[in-house]
Amino acid sequence: MTDRILGVLGGMGPLASAHFITRLTLLTPAQIDQEHIPAILWSDPRIPDRGTAMRGEGPDPLPALLRGIDGLIAAGCGAIAIPCNTAHGWFEQMQAHCSVPILHIARAATEELRSKAPLGAIVGVLGTQATLDMRLYQTSLTHAGWDVITGSPQDMAELVMPCIHMVKANQVREAHAPLMRAIANLVARGAQAVVLGCTELPIAFQAGPMPSLADGKQVQIVDTIDALARASISWARN
């Protein structure tokens, strides 16, 4: 049992936030209600698009992000999880504004990867184009000792971004096939593990079976929603 209250800054997208709460609940080692983690979800889908803002083509989401953080702190939250990878482009500004720790999704995924791929292995990263452009995962994973590859420009345009948009439009089952093709293409290029660096991607991944890969190759998947949920559980249980 813990008295620590977790704040969840969500709505980016709404389904990813709801899925995070579900995974937080399922991954918590609890037998009764009172052993679960108190959590408050601030799901605000009105937050301006993060990718568009990074390209300088849309409004800045930071004021809306800070408004959510203030609401969660006012409600008594002792830490904040943000189940949106691209929103971490404003991590420093949010943490500087915030009096409680923000659990960093890329750091959580990096810790998760340690048990899935040896240092020096090739790790593939998929995510929004904005997340890849800001090198949220490439920099941290390379510094940690892995070789990193990302989806090709063609796969990003024809598979990954359409998959993300399908999940946001609640077309979850349709999003599975293009994601599997993008993963298979990374494995064909030597990836031993793949980081699903957008919180829509784990939802698509779980919407169908993992197909057999060519030549019997194996791949480890790092689900960033699960990684952030485990980091949140670790924080709550101290």
C-alpha atoms as a PDB file:
ATOM      1  CA  MET A   1       0.000   0.000   0.000  1.00  0.00           C
ATOM      2  CA  THR A   2       1.218   3.504  -0.791  1.00  0.00           C
ATOM      3  CA  ASP A   3      -0.013   6.975   0.031  1.00  0.00           C
ATOM      4  CA  ARG A   4       1.867   8.425  -2.933  1.00  0.00           C
ATOM      5  CA  ILE A   5      -0.497   9.766  -5.605  1.00  0.00           C
ATOM      6  CA  LEU A   6       0.630   9.515  -9.229  1.00  0.00           C
ATOM      7  CA  GLY A   7      -0.436  12.234 -11.629  1.00  0.00           C
ATOM      8  CA  VAL A   8      -0.925  11.285 -15.275  1.00  0.00           C
ATOM      9  CA  LEU A   9      -0.792  14.113 -17.798  1.00  0.00           C
ATOM     10  CA  GLY A  10      -2.694  12.682 -20.732  1.00  0.00           C
ATOM     11  CA  GLY A  11      -4.980  13.270 -23.662  1.00  0.00           C
ATOM     12  CA  MET A  12      -2.068  12.912 -26.127  1.00  0.00           C
ATOM     13  CA  GLY A  13      -3.889  10.842 -27.336  1.00  0.00           C
ATOM     14  CA  PRO A  14      -6.839   9.922 -25.133  1.00  0.00           C
ATOM     15  CA  LEU A  15      -6.674   6.203 -25.901  1.00  0.00           C
ATOM     16  CA  ALA A  16      -2.965   6.060 -25.021  1.00  0.00           C
ATOM     17  CA  SER A  17      -3.718   7.713 -21.665  1.00  0.00           C
ATOM     18  CA  ALA A  18      -6.512   5.247 -20.913  1.00  0.00           C
ATOM     19  CA  HIS A  19      -4.266   2.356 -21.956  1.00  0.00           C
ATOM     20  CA  PHE A  20      -1.546   3.621 -19.621  1.00  0.00           C
ATOM     21  CA  ILE A  21      -3.951   3.558 -16.672  1.00  0.00           C
ATOM     22  CA  THR A  22      -4.984   0.016 -17.618  1.00  0.00           C
ATOM     23  CA  ARG A  23      -1.375  -1.168 -17.840  1.00  0.00           C
ATOM     24  CA  LEU A  24      -0.479   0.599 -14.578  1.00  0.00           C
ATOM     25  CA  THR A  25      -3.274  -1.332 -12.908  1.00  0.00           C
ATOM     26  CA  LEU A  26      -2.437  -4.691 -14.489  1.00  0.00           C
ATOM     27  CA  LEU A  27       1.299  -4.433 -13.790  1.00  0.00           C
ATOM     28  CA  THR A  28       0.855  -3.478 -10.133  1.00  0.00           C
ATOM     29  CA  PRO A  29       1.373  -6.503  -7.832  1.00  0.00           C
ATOM     30  CA  ALA A  30      -1.886  -6.122  -5.910  1.00  0.00           C
ATOM     31  CA  GLN A  31      -4.508  -8.480  -4.528  1.00  0.00           C
ATOM     32  CA  ILE A  32      -7.115  -5.964  -3.367  1.00  0.00           C
ATOM     33  CA  ASP A  33      -8.185  -2.433  -4.263  1.00  0.00           C
ATOM     34  CA  GLN A  34      -6.221  -0.839  -1.453  1.00  0.00           C
ATOM     35  CA  GLU A  35      -2.917  -2.247  -2.748  1.00  0.00           C
ATOM     36  CA  HIS A  36      -3.164  -0.390  -6.036  1.00  0.00           C
ATOM     37  CA  ILE A  37      -1.560   2.992  -6.716  1.00  0.00           C
ATOM     38  CA  PRO A  38      -3.657   6.134  -6.232  1.00  0.00           C
ATOM     39  CA  ALA A  39      -3.618   7.962  -9.560  1.00  0.00           C
ATOM     40  CA  ILE A  40      -5.259  11.015 -11.063  1.00  0.00           C
ATOM     41  CA  LEU A  41      -5.602  11.237 -14.850  1.00  0.00           C
ATOM     42  CA  TRP A  42      -5.684  14.680 -16.445  1.00  0.00           C
ATOM     43  CA  SER A  43      -6.767  13.805 -19.987  1.00  0.00           C
ATOM     44  CA  ASP A  44      -6.935  16.956 -22.097  1.00  0.00           C
ATOM     45  CA  PRO A  45      -7.175  16.235 -25.845  1.00  0.00           C
ATOM     46  CA  ARG A  46      -7.283  19.997 -26.496  1.00  0.00           C
ATOM     47  CA  ILE A  47      -3.506  20.223 -25.994  1.00  0.00           C
ATOM     48  CA  PRO A  48      -2.126  21.448 -29.352  1.00  0.00           C
ATOM     49  CA  ASP A  49      -0.411  18.881 -31.553  1.00  0.00           C
ATOM     50  CA  ARG A  50       3.188  18.414 -30.460  1.00  0.00           C
ATOM     51  CA  GLY A  51       4.598  17.396 -33.833  1.00  0.00           C
ATOM     52  CA  THR A  52       3.045  20.348 -35.614  1.00  0.00           C
ATOM     53  CA  ALA A  53       4.416  22.708 -32.969  1.00  0.00           C
ATOM     54  CA  MET A  54       7.930  21.288 -33.323  1.00  0.00           C
ATOM     55  CA  ARG A  55       7.812  22.073 -37.034  1.00  0.00           C
ATOM     56  CA  GLY A  56       6.845  25.643 -36.200  1.00  0.00           C
ATOM     57  CA  GLU A  57       3.493  25.184 -37.909  1.00  0.00           C
ATOM     58  CA  GLY A  58       1.109  25.249 -34.962  1.00  0.00           C
ATOM     59  CA  PRO A  59       0.475  26.690 -31.509  1.00  0.00           C
ATOM     60  CA  ASP A  60       2.815  25.982 -28.619  1.00  0.00           C
ATOM     61  CA  PRO A  61       1.457  23.183 -26.392  1.00  0.00           C
ATOM     62  CA  LEU A  62       3.531  24.246 -23.374  1.00  0.00           C
ATOM     63  CA  PRO A  63       0.868  26.486 -21.736  1.00  0.00           C
ATOM     64  CA  ALA A  64      -1.654  23.637 -21.863  1.00  0.00           C
ATOM     65  CA  LEU A  65       0.926  21.161 -20.566  1.00  0.00           C
ATOM     66  CA  LEU A  66       1.760  23.436 -17.638  1.00  0.00           C
ATOM     67  CA  ARG A  67      -1.938  23.952 -16.900  1.00  0.00           C
ATOM     68  CA  GLY A  68      -2.340  20.194 -16.582  1.00  0.00           C
ATOM     69  CA  ILE A  69       0.731  19.916 -14.375  1.00  0.00           C
ATOM     70  CA  ASP A  70      -0.602  22.655 -12.087  1.00  0.00           C
ATOM     71  CA  GLY A  71      -3.937  20.859 -11.823  1.00  0.00           C
ATOM     72  CA  LEU A  72      -2.291  17.572 -10.893  1.00  0.00           C
ATOM     73  CA  ILE A  73      -0.054  19.181  -8.277  1.00  0.00           C
ATOM     74  CA  ALA A  74      -3.035  21.033  -6.799  1.00  0.00           C
ATOM     75  CA  ALA A  75      -4.782  17.663  -6.507  1.00  0.00           C
ATOM     76  CA  GLY A  76      -1.936  16.336  -4.373  1.00  0.00           C
ATOM     77  CA  CYS A  77       0.119  14.334  -6.874  1.00  0.00           C
ATOM     78  CA  GLY A  78       3.697  13.574  -5.849  1.00  0.00           C
ATOM     79  CA  ALA A  79       5.041  12.683  -9.302  1.00  0.00           C
ATOM     80  CA  ILE A  80       3.817  12.970 -12.878  1.00  0.00           C
ATOM     81  CA  ALA A  81       3.909  10.487 -15.744  1.00  0.00           C
ATOM     82  CA  ILE A  82       3.299  11.674 -19.301  1.00  0.00           C
ATOM     83  CA  PRO A  83       2.278   8.847 -21.662  1.00  0.00           C
ATOM     84  CA  CYS A  84       3.256  10.805 -24.775  1.00  0.00           C
ATOM     85  CA  ASN A  85       6.769  10.583 -26.189  1.00  0.00           C
ATOM     86  CA  THR A  86       6.660  13.723 -28.320  1.00  0.00           C
ATOM     87  CA  ALA A  87       5.552  15.839 -25.345  1.00  0.00           C
ATOM     88  CA  HIS A  88       8.972  15.124 -23.838  1.00  0.00           C
ATOM     89  CA  GLY A  89      10.339  17.693 -26.262  1.00  0.00           C
ATOM     90  CA  TRP A  90       9.198  20.167 -23.584  1.00  0.00           C
ATOM     91  CA  PHE A  91      10.482  18.053 -20.669  1.00  0.00           C
ATOM     92  CA  GLU A  92      13.016  20.576 -19.380  1.00  0.00           C
ATOM     93  CA  GLN A  93      10.495  23.433 -19.328  1.00  0.00           C
ATOM     94  CA  MET A  94       7.889  21.249 -17.626  1.00  0.00           C
ATOM     95  CA  GLN A  95      10.307  19.972 -14.995  1.00  0.00           C
ATOM     96  CA  ALA A  96      11.623  23.485 -14.308  1.00  0.00           C
ATOM     97  CA  HIS A  97       8.025  24.620 -13.737  1.00  0.00           C
ATOM     98  CA  CYS A  98       7.125  21.597 -11.638  1.00  0.00           C
ATOM     99  CA  SER A  99       7.773  21.096  -7.914  1.00  0.00           C
ATOM    100  CA  VAL A 100       7.517  17.291  -8.173  1.00  0.00           C
ATOM    101  CA  PRO A 101       9.469  14.825 -10.334  1.00  0.00           C
ATOM    102  CA  ILE A 102       8.325  14.049 -13.850  1.00  0.00           C
ATOM    103  CA  LEU A 103       9.079  10.435 -14.773  1.00  0.00           C
ATOM    104  CA  HIS A 104      10.929  10.492 -18.108  1.00  0.00           C
ATOM    105  CA  ILE A 105       9.558   7.956 -20.590  1.00  0.00           C
ATOM    106  CA  ALA A 106      12.811   7.523 -22.542  1.00  0.00           C
ATOM    107  CA  ARG A 107      14.784   6.846 -19.367  1.00  0.00           C
ATOM    108  CA  ALA A 108      12.197   4.273 -18.326  1.00  0.00           C
ATOM    109  CA  ALA A 109      12.421   2.586 -21.744  1.00  0.00           C
ATOM    110  CA  THR A 110      16.222   2.585 -21.580  1.00  0.00           C
ATOM    111  CA  GLU A 111      16.097   0.736 -18.263  1.00  0.00           C
ATOM    112  CA  GLU A 112      13.622  -1.745 -19.734  1.00  0.00           C
ATOM    113  CA  LEU A 113      15.895  -2.381 -22.699  1.00  0.00           C
ATOM    114  CA  ARG A 114      18.760  -3.489 -20.444  1.00  0.00           C
ATOM    115  CA  SER A 115      17.009  -6.801 -19.824  1.00  0.00           C
ATOM    116  CA  LYS A 116      16.097  -7.304 -23.476  1.00  0.00           C
ATOM    117  CA  ALA A 117      19.190  -6.567 -25.583  1.00  0.00           C
ATOM    118  CA  PRO A 118      22.925  -6.759 -24.833  1.00  0.00           C
ATOM    119  CA  LEU A 119      24.972  -3.600 -25.096  1.00  0.00           C
ATOM    120  CA  GLY A 120      26.301  -3.222 -28.609  1.00  0.00           C
ATOM    121  CA  ALA A 121      23.211  -4.778 -30.149  1.00  0.00           C
ATOM    122  CA  ILE A 122      21.300  -3.007 -32.899  1.00  0.00           C
ATOM    123  CA  VAL A 123      18.104  -1.433 -31.554  1.00  0.00           C
ATOM    124  CA  GLY A 124      15.374  -0.128 -33.836  1.00  0.00           C
ATOM    125  CA  VAL A 125      13.277   2.863 -32.841  1.00  0.00           C
ATOM    126  CA  LEU A 126       9.825   3.734 -34.181  1.00  0.00           C
ATOM    127  CA  GLY A 127       7.833   6.825 -33.250  1.00  0.00           C
ATOM    128  CA  THR A 128       6.425  10.016 -34.641  1.00  0.00           C
ATOM    129  CA  GLN A 129       8.643  11.921 -37.030  1.00  0.00           C
ATOM    130  CA  ALA A 130       8.913  14.667 -34.411  1.00  0.00           C
ATOM    131  CA  THR A 131      10.172  12.206 -31.783  1.00  0.00           C
ATOM    132  CA  LEU A 132      12.790  10.879 -34.180  1.00  0.00           C
ATOM    133  CA  ASP A 133      13.792  14.397 -35.251  1.00  0.00           C
ATOM    134  CA  MET A 134      14.474  15.456 -31.661  1.00  0.00           C
ATOM    135  CA  ARG A 135      16.464  12.211 -31.145  1.00  0.00           C
ATOM    136  CA  LEU A 136      14.657  11.409 -27.913  1.00  0.00           C
ATOM    137  CA  TYR A 137      15.784   7.780 -28.098  1.00  0.00           C
ATOM    138  CA  GLN A 138      18.735   7.839 -30.493  1.00  0.00           C
ATOM    139  CA  THR A 139      20.859   9.986 -28.178  1.00  0.00           C
ATOM    140  CA  SER A 140      20.083   8.201 -24.906  1.00  0.00           C
ATOM    141  CA  LEU A 141      20.367   4.689 -26.342  1.00  0.00           C
ATOM    142  CA  THR A 142      23.598   5.428 -28.179  1.00  0.00           C
ATOM    143  CA  HIS A 143      25.134   6.912 -25.036  1.00  0.00           C
ATOM    144  CA  ALA A 144      24.036   3.823 -23.105  1.00  0.00           C
ATOM    145  CA  GLY A 145      25.916   1.560 -25.529  1.00  0.00           C
ATOM    146  CA  TRP A 146      23.511   0.348 -28.207  1.00  0.00           C
ATOM    147  CA  ASP A 147      23.653   0.908 -31.963  1.00  0.00           C
ATOM    148  CA  VAL A 148      20.423   2.607 -33.053  1.00  0.00           C
ATOM    149  CA  ILE A 149      18.547   2.531 -36.329  1.00  0.00           C
ATOM    150  CA  THR A 150      15.191   4.123 -37.127  1.00  0.00           C
ATOM    151  CA  GLY A 151      12.454   3.450 -39.609  1.00  0.00           C
ATOM    152  CA  SER A 152      13.316   4.408 -43.166  1.00  0.00           C
ATOM    153  CA  PRO A 153      11.714   7.579 -44.581  1.00  0.00           C
ATOM    154  CA  GLN A 154       9.445   5.398 -46.721  1.00  0.00           C
ATOM    155  CA  ASP A 155       8.378   3.244 -43.754  1.00  0.00           C
ATOM    156  CA  MET A 156       7.755   6.360 -41.673  1.00  0.00           C
ATOM    157  CA  ALA A 157       5.539   7.877 -44.361  1.00  0.00           C
ATOM    158  CA  GLU A 158       3.723   4.732 -45.488  1.00  0.00           C
ATOM    159  CA  LEU A 159       3.560   2.586 -42.340  1.00  0.00           C
ATOM    160  CA  VAL A 160       4.399   4.231 -39.028  1.00  0.00           C
ATOM    161  CA  MET A 161       2.638   7.594 -39.252  1.00  0.00           C
ATOM    162  CA  PRO A 162      -0.515   6.039 -40.810  1.00  0.00           C
ATOM    163  CA  CYS A 163      -0.502   3.472 -37.980  1.00  0.00           C
ATOM    164  CA  ILE A 164      -0.349   6.233 -35.356  1.00  0.00           C
ATOM    165  CA  HIS A 165      -3.148   8.188 -37.047  1.00  0.00           C
ATOM    166  CA  MET A 166      -5.309   5.029 -37.204  1.00  0.00           C
ATOM    167  CA  VAL A 167      -5.015   4.485 -33.451  1.00  0.00           C
ATOM    168  CA  LYS A 168      -5.877   8.118 -32.777  1.00  0.00           C
ATOM    169  CA  ALA A 169      -8.967   7.601 -34.964  1.00  0.00           C
ATOM    170  CA  ASN A 170      -9.911   4.438 -32.977  1.00  0.00           C
ATOM    171  CA  GLN A 171      -9.043   2.184 -35.940  1.00  0.00           C
ATOM    172  CA  VAL A 172      -6.909  -0.002 -33.725  1.00  0.00           C
ATOM    173  CA  ARG A 173      -7.202  -3.344 -35.524  1.00  0.00           C
ATOM    174  CA  GLU A 174      -6.382  -1.738 -38.866  1.00  0.00           C
ATOM    175  CA  ALA A 175      -3.226  -0.228 -37.348  1.00  0.00           C
ATOM    176  CA  HIS A 176      -1.680  -3.601 -36.495  1.00  0.00           C
ATOM    177  CA  ALA A 177      -0.573  -4.735 -39.966  1.00  0.00           C
ATOM    178  CA  PRO A 178       1.427  -1.634 -40.962  1.00  0.00           C
ATOM    179  CA  LEU A 179       3.214  -1.629 -37.609  1.00  0.00           C
ATOM    180  CA  MET A 180       4.195  -5.285 -38.021  1.00  0.00           C
ATOM    181  CA  ARG A 181       5.620  -4.518 -41.459  1.00  0.00           C
ATOM    182  CA  ALA A 182       7.665  -1.637 -40.043  1.00  0.00           C
ATOM    183  CA  ILE A 183       9.021  -3.887 -37.264  1.00  0.00           C
ATOM    184  CA  ALA A 184       9.854  -6.642 -39.759  1.00  0.00           C
ATOM    185  CA  ASN A 185      11.757  -4.153 -41.900  1.00  0.00           C
ATOM    186  CA  LEU A 186      13.869  -3.094 -38.896  1.00  0.00           C
ATOM    187  CA  VAL A 187      14.595  -6.728 -38.056  1.00  0.00           C
ATOM    188  CA  ALA A 188      15.649  -7.350 -41.658  1.00  0.00           C
ATOM    189  CA  ARG A 189      18.191  -4.541 -41.172  1.00  0.00           C
ATOM    190  CA  GLY A 190      19.620  -6.269 -38.103  1.00  0.00           C
ATOM    191  CA  ALA A 191      17.551  -4.967 -35.181  1.00  0.00           C
ATOM    192  CA  GLN A 192      17.511  -7.346 -32.202  1.00  0.00           C
ATOM    193  CA  ALA A 193      15.068  -5.154 -30.275  1.00  0.00           C
ATOM    194  CA  VAL A 194      12.562  -2.483 -31.276  1.00  0.00           C
ATOM    195  CA  VAL A 195      11.468   0.434 -29.097  1.00  0.00           C
ATOM    196  CA  LEU A 196       7.855   1.484 -29.689  1.00  0.00           C
ATOM    197  CA  GLY A 197       8.605   5.165 -29.145  1.00  0.00           C
ATOM    198  CA  CYS A 198       5.067   6.474 -29.540  1.00  0.00           C
ATOM    199  CA  THR A 199       2.346   5.574 -27.060  1.00  0.00           C
ATOM    200  CA  GLU A 200      -0.089   4.750 -29.875  1.00  0.00           C
ATOM    201  CA  LEU A 201       2.219   2.002 -31.161  1.00  0.00           C
ATOM    202  CA  PRO A 202       1.868  -0.437 -28.204  1.00  0.00           C
ATOM    203  CA  ILE A 203      -1.905  -0.292 -28.687  1.00  0.00           C
ATOM    204  CA  ALA A 204      -1.533  -1.258 -32.346  1.00  0.00           C
ATOM    205  CA  PHE A 205       1.034  -3.914 -31.459  1.00  0.00           C
ATOM    206  CA  GLN A 206      -1.354  -5.634 -29.045  1.00  0.00           C
ATOM    207  CA  ALA A 207      -4.227  -5.606 -31.549  1.00  0.00           C
ATOM    208  CA  GLY A 208      -3.027  -8.783 -33.274  1.00  0.00           C
ATOM    209  CA  PRO A 209      -0.449 -11.578 -33.208  1.00  0.00           C
ATOM    210  CA  MET A 210       3.265 -11.182 -33.739  1.00  0.00           C
ATOM    211  CA  PRO A 211       3.880 -12.721 -37.196  1.00  0.00           C
ATOM    212  CA  SER A 212       6.762 -15.054 -37.929  1.00  0.00           C
ATOM    213  CA  LEU A 213       9.849 -13.180 -39.078  1.00  0.00           C
ATOM    214  CA  ALA A 214      12.024 -14.197 -42.004  1.00  0.00           C
ATOM    215  CA  ASP A 215      14.727 -16.806 -41.344  1.00  0.00           C
ATOM    216  CA  GLY A 216      13.314 -17.465 -37.884  1.00  0.00           C
ATOM    217  CA  LYS A 217      14.710 -14.202 -36.511  1.00  0.00           C
ATOM    218  CA  GLN A 218      13.702 -13.074 -33.033  1.00  0.00           C
ATOM    219  CA  VAL A 219      13.064  -9.546 -31.811  1.00  0.00           C
ATOM    220  CA  GLN A 220      12.464  -8.068 -28.373  1.00  0.00           C
ATOM    221  CA  ILE A 221       9.836  -5.319 -28.084  1.00  0.00           C
ATOM    222  CA  VAL A 222      10.150  -2.412 -25.664  1.00  0.00           C
ATOM    223  CA  ASP A 223       6.659  -1.098 -24.942  1.00  0.00           C
ATOM    224  CA  THR A 224       7.107   2.481 -23.722  1.00  0.00           C
ATOM    225  CA  ILE A 225       3.696   2.530 -22.039  1.00  0.00           C
ATOM    226  CA  ASP A 226       4.652  -0.510 -19.972  1.00  0.00           C
ATOM    227  CA  ALA A 227       8.099   0.933 -19.264  1.00  0.00           C
ATOM    228  CA  LEU A 228       6.581   4.157 -17.942  1.00  0.00           C
ATOM    229  CA  ALA A 229       4.011   2.201 -15.924  1.00  0.00           C
ATOM    230  CA  ARG A 230       6.770   0.154 -14.274  1.00  0.00           C
ATOM    231  CA  ALA A 231       8.744   3.303 -13.496  1.00  0.00           C
ATOM    232  CA  SER A 232       5.593   4.759 -11.940  1.00  0.00           C
ATOM    233  CA  ILE A 233       5.080   1.645  -9.812  1.00  0.00           C
ATOM    234  CA  SER A 234       8.712   1.792  -8.694  1.00  0.00           C
ATOM    235  CA  TRP A 235       8.274   5.428  -7.694  1.00  0.00           C
ATOM    236  CA  ALA A 236       5.027   4.759  -5.812  1.00  0.00           C
ATOM    237  CA  ARG A 237       6.478   1.764  -3.975  1.00  0.00           C
ATOM    238  CA  ASN A 238       9.754   3.641  -3.405  1.00  0.00           C
END
